[in-house]
Every structure is written in C-alpha cells, then in structure tokens.
Amino acid sequence: SPLEGENCTPDLAISGVAWNDGKSPIQTVEISVDLGESWQQTMLEQSSQPYGWVHWHLNLALPSSVHQVWSRATDEMGRTQPLEGDVHWNPDGYEWNGVDKVSFTVSLPHGHIEGAKNE
C-alpha cells in the first residue's frame, strides 16, 4: 500500500510484504521515494515460517505530487533485490526479483492548504 495509481493524503502508511527462497530470513526492507537515491528502513513483522511473508511498514509525510515508492528486501545472507529484476527472469515469469515500484498521487483533502495549520 498504496496501490498503483491510488490517490493518498500527505500522511500515509507505506506497507507491503517481502519473501524469499527460505534459505535465510529477511533482515531488512527499505523504501525509496527519490528513485533510489536514498533508502529508509521499514519496520518488520517477522514470520515464524521460513517461507512466510514478512510484513513491513513505514509512515511518511509526503508533499502533494505524483510519487513513486521503491521497495527492496535484504536477507541475512546479504542478498539484496537488484534494481532491475530480469537478471534471472524467464519468459514464464519465474525468478523475477527486482525492486518493486509503485506510483501514486498525494493530494490534500478538499479545503486544506499545503503548509497551513488546520485546527
């Protein structure tokens, strides 16, 4: 979350799930809102199963604009998702593991002015 093309308010929770081949637990999930220039670590909710999804989230305040959030996971073996996931990808769609990218729009609720304090 957010979903592709979704309209959001400036204060939003970015969330998702990460998983891997189960050989090593997911250690971190990071997100970028500046096309990979910088990365912020998210909060993880570890799974008790080696192949289970690891839920993650991070609260952000973003200005009104179109944004793209990138997410990448790193496991305890140091394996990090590549920026492009087609290194081992095949035509059936298996083994694509690149950084996930989701575009969305942040806009103020009707009647609010950016930068103004609404009491």
C-alpha atoms as a PDB file:
ATOM      1  CA  SER A   1       0.000   0.000   0.000  1.00  0.00           C
ATOM      2  CA  PRO A   2      -0.532   2.403  -1.546  1.00  0.00           C
ATOM      3  CA  LEU A   3      -1.746   0.691  -4.689  1.00  0.00           C
ATOM      4  CA  GLU A   4      -0.648   1.638  -8.198  1.00  0.00           C
ATOM      5  CA  GLY A   5      -2.450   4.841  -9.255  1.00  0.00           C
ATOM      6  CA  GLU A   6      -4.049   5.417  -5.844  1.00  0.00           C
ATOM      7  CA  ASN A   7      -4.809   8.924  -4.540  1.00  0.00           C
ATOM      8  CA  CYS A   8      -3.474   9.421  -0.996  1.00  0.00           C
ATOM      9  CA  THR A   9      -3.326  12.085   1.698  1.00  0.00           C
ATOM     10  CA  PRO A  10       0.102  13.514   2.674  1.00  0.00           C
ATOM     11  CA  ASP A  11       0.418  11.453   5.866  1.00  0.00           C
ATOM     12  CA  LEU A  12       0.346   7.871   4.753  1.00  0.00           C
ATOM     13  CA  ALA A  13       1.474   4.411   5.744  1.00  0.00           C
ATOM     14  CA  ILE A  14       3.579   2.608   3.180  1.00  0.00           C
ATOM     15  CA  SER A  15       3.307  -1.159   3.664  1.00  0.00           C
ATOM     16  CA  GLY A  16       3.815  -4.461   1.963  1.00  0.00           C
ATOM     17  CA  VAL A  17       5.233  -7.951   2.255  1.00  0.00           C
ATOM     18  CA  ALA A  18       8.604  -9.486   1.454  1.00  0.00           C
ATOM     19  CA  TRP A  19       9.624 -13.104   0.955  1.00  0.00           C
ATOM     20  CA  ASN A  20      12.497 -15.104  -0.435  1.00  0.00           C
ATOM     21  CA  ASP A  21      13.579 -18.705  -1.020  1.00  0.00           C
ATOM     22  CA  GLY A  22      13.575 -19.507   2.715  1.00  0.00           C
ATOM     23  CA  LYS A  23      17.347 -20.153   2.894  1.00  0.00           C
ATOM     24  CA  SER A  24      17.883 -17.096   5.086  1.00  0.00           C
ATOM     25  CA  PRO A  25      15.434 -14.810   6.953  1.00  0.00           C
ATOM     26  CA  ILE A  26      14.598 -11.368   5.596  1.00  0.00           C
ATOM     27  CA  GLN A  27      16.771  -8.928   7.555  1.00  0.00           C
ATOM     28  CA  THR A  28      15.628  -5.525   6.241  1.00  0.00           C
ATOM     29  CA  VAL A  29      13.164  -3.940   3.862  1.00  0.00           C
ATOM     30  CA  GLU A  30      13.950  -0.433   2.657  1.00  0.00           C
ATOM     31  CA  ILE A  31      11.949   2.046   0.635  1.00  0.00           C
ATOM     32  CA  SER A  32      12.971   4.951  -1.555  1.00  0.00           C
ATOM     33  CA  VAL A  33      10.800   7.858  -2.670  1.00  0.00           C
ATOM     34  CA  ASP A  34      13.583   9.532  -4.685  1.00  0.00           C
ATOM     35  CA  LEU A  35      14.202   6.921  -7.394  1.00  0.00           C
ATOM     36  CA  GLY A  36      16.801   5.016  -5.395  1.00  0.00           C
ATOM     37  CA  GLU A  37      18.994   7.952  -4.372  1.00  0.00           C
ATOM     38  CA  SER A  38      18.357   7.247  -0.681  1.00  0.00           C
ATOM     39  CA  TRP A  39      16.713   4.417   1.245  1.00  0.00           C
ATOM     40  CA  GLN A  40      14.775   4.326   4.518  1.00  0.00           C
ATOM     41  CA  GLN A  41      14.487   1.211   6.646  1.00  0.00           C
ATOM     42  CA  THR A  42      10.980  -0.017   7.427  1.00  0.00           C
ATOM     43  CA  MET A  43       9.590  -1.765  10.500  1.00  0.00           C
ATOM     44  CA  LEU A  44       9.343  -5.561  10.064  1.00  0.00           C
ATOM     45  CA  GLU A  45       6.936  -8.136  11.458  1.00  0.00           C
ATOM     46  CA  GLN A  46       8.915 -11.360  11.061  1.00  0.00           C
ATOM     47  CA  SER A  47       7.209 -14.563  10.031  1.00  0.00           C
ATOM     48  CA  SER A  48       7.662 -17.705  12.108  1.00  0.00           C
ATOM     49  CA  GLN A  49       7.875 -19.774   8.906  1.00  0.00           C
ATOM     50  CA  PRO A  50      10.977 -19.853   6.643  1.00  0.00           C
ATOM     51  CA  TYR A  51       8.873 -19.325   3.505  1.00  0.00           C
ATOM     52  CA  GLY A  52       6.361 -16.982   5.142  1.00  0.00           C
ATOM     53  CA  TRP A  53       5.668 -13.412   4.163  1.00  0.00           C
ATOM     54  CA  VAL A  54       7.383 -10.719   6.218  1.00  0.00           C
ATOM     55  CA  HIS A  55       5.030  -7.759   6.629  1.00  0.00           C
ATOM     56  CA  TRP A  56       6.654  -4.316   6.688  1.00  0.00           C
ATOM     57  CA  HIS A  57       5.509  -0.697   7.064  1.00  0.00           C
ATOM     58  CA  LEU A  58       6.751   2.876   7.348  1.00  0.00           C
ATOM     59  CA  ASN A  59       4.802   6.083   7.993  1.00  0.00           C
ATOM     60  CA  LEU A  60       5.716   9.025   5.758  1.00  0.00           C
ATOM     61  CA  ALA A  61       4.633  12.604   5.194  1.00  0.00           C
ATOM     62  CA  LEU A  62       4.928  13.476   1.502  1.00  0.00           C
ATOM     63  CA  PRO A  63       4.158  16.708  -0.375  1.00  0.00           C
ATOM     64  CA  SER A  64       1.320  16.928  -2.880  1.00  0.00           C
ATOM     65  CA  SER A  65       2.619  15.450  -6.116  1.00  0.00           C
ATOM     66  CA  VAL A  66       2.937  12.241  -8.064  1.00  0.00           C
ATOM     67  CA  HIS A  67       5.313   9.884  -6.259  1.00  0.00           C
ATOM     68  CA  GLN A  68       6.885   6.527  -6.913  1.00  0.00           C
ATOM     69  CA  VAL A  69       7.908   4.340  -3.989  1.00  0.00           C
ATOM     70  CA  TRP A  70      10.500   1.632  -4.487  1.00  0.00           C
ATOM     71  CA  SER A  71      10.907  -1.258  -2.055  1.00  0.00           C
ATOM     72  CA  ARG A  72      13.717  -3.781  -1.697  1.00  0.00           C
ATOM     73  CA  ALA A  73      14.472  -6.575   0.740  1.00  0.00           C
ATOM     74  CA  THR A  74      17.785  -7.905   2.016  1.00  0.00           C
ATOM     75  CA  ASP A  75      18.165 -11.250   3.750  1.00  0.00           C
ATOM     76  CA  GLU A  76      20.639 -12.335   6.433  1.00  0.00           C
ATOM     77  CA  MET A  77      22.949 -13.744   3.731  1.00  0.00           C
ATOM     78  CA  GLY A  78      23.291 -10.186   2.363  1.00  0.00           C
ATOM     79  CA  ARG A  79      21.269 -10.847  -0.784  1.00  0.00           C
ATOM     80  CA  THR A  80      19.516  -7.633  -1.817  1.00  0.00           C
ATOM     81  CA  GLN A  81      16.965  -7.314  -4.587  1.00  0.00           C
ATOM     82  CA  PRO A  82      18.565  -5.750  -7.680  1.00  0.00           C
ATOM     83  CA  LEU A  83      17.170  -2.529  -9.143  1.00  0.00           C
ATOM     84  CA  GLU A  84      16.168  -4.482 -12.243  1.00  0.00           C
ATOM     85  CA  GLY A  85      14.826  -7.964 -11.704  1.00  0.00           C
ATOM     86  CA  ASP A  86      15.330  -9.516 -15.104  1.00  0.00           C
ATOM     87  CA  VAL A  87      18.791 -10.974 -14.382  1.00  0.00           C
ATOM     88  CA  HIS A  88      17.380 -14.484 -13.813  1.00  0.00           C
ATOM     89  CA  TRP A  89      13.907 -13.859 -15.217  1.00  0.00           C
ATOM     90  CA  ASN A  90      12.479 -16.221 -17.803  1.00  0.00           C
ATOM     91  CA  PRO A  91       9.554 -15.913 -20.257  1.00  0.00           C
ATOM     92  CA  ASP A  92       7.239 -17.796 -17.882  1.00  0.00           C
ATOM     93  CA  GLY A  93       7.716 -15.002 -15.327  1.00  0.00           C
ATOM     94  CA  TYR A  94       9.602 -17.080 -12.771  1.00  0.00           C
ATOM     95  CA  GLU A  95      12.514 -15.715 -10.756  1.00  0.00           C
ATOM     96  CA  TRP A  96      11.833 -12.007 -11.397  1.00  0.00           C
ATOM     97  CA  ASN A  97      13.026 -10.431  -8.158  1.00  0.00           C
ATOM     98  CA  GLY A  98      13.742  -6.765  -8.820  1.00  0.00           C
ATOM     99  CA  VAL A  99      12.902  -3.742  -6.729  1.00  0.00           C
ATOM    100  CA  ASP A 100       9.137  -3.245  -6.671  1.00  0.00           C
ATOM    101  CA  LYS A 101       7.956   0.191  -7.888  1.00  0.00           C
ATOM    102  CA  VAL A 102       4.509   1.709  -7.278  1.00  0.00           C
ATOM    103  CA  SER A 103       3.324   5.132  -8.482  1.00  0.00           C
ATOM    104  CA  PHE A 104       0.633   7.096  -6.641  1.00  0.00           C
ATOM    105  CA  THR A 105      -0.588  10.666  -6.150  1.00  0.00           C
ATOM    106  CA  VAL A 106      -0.539  12.609  -2.900  1.00  0.00           C
ATOM    107  CA  SER A 107      -3.111  15.377  -2.637  1.00  0.00           C
ATOM    108  CA  LEU A 108      -4.587  17.370   0.210  1.00  0.00           C
ATOM    109  CA  PRO A 109      -8.117  16.690   1.392  1.00  0.00           C
ATOM    110  CA  HIS A 110     -10.663  19.139  -0.041  1.00  0.00           C
ATOM    111  CA  GLY A 111     -10.445  22.516   1.719  1.00  0.00           C
ATOM    112  CA  HIS A 112      -6.907  22.107   3.060  1.00  0.00           C
ATOM    113  CA  ILE A 113      -3.985  24.311   2.003  1.00  0.00           C
ATOM    114  CA  GLU A 114      -0.474  22.863   1.840  1.00  0.00           C
ATOM    115  CA  GLY A 115       1.717  24.240   4.630  1.00  0.00           C
ATOM    116  CA  ALA A 116      -1.240  25.701   6.543  1.00  0.00           C
ATOM    117  CA  LYS A 117      -2.112  24.507  10.024  1.00  0.00           C
ATOM    118  CA  ASN A 118      -5.661  23.272  10.135  1.00  0.00           C
ATOM    119  CA  GLU A 119      -7.163  23.386  13.595  1.00  0.00           C
END
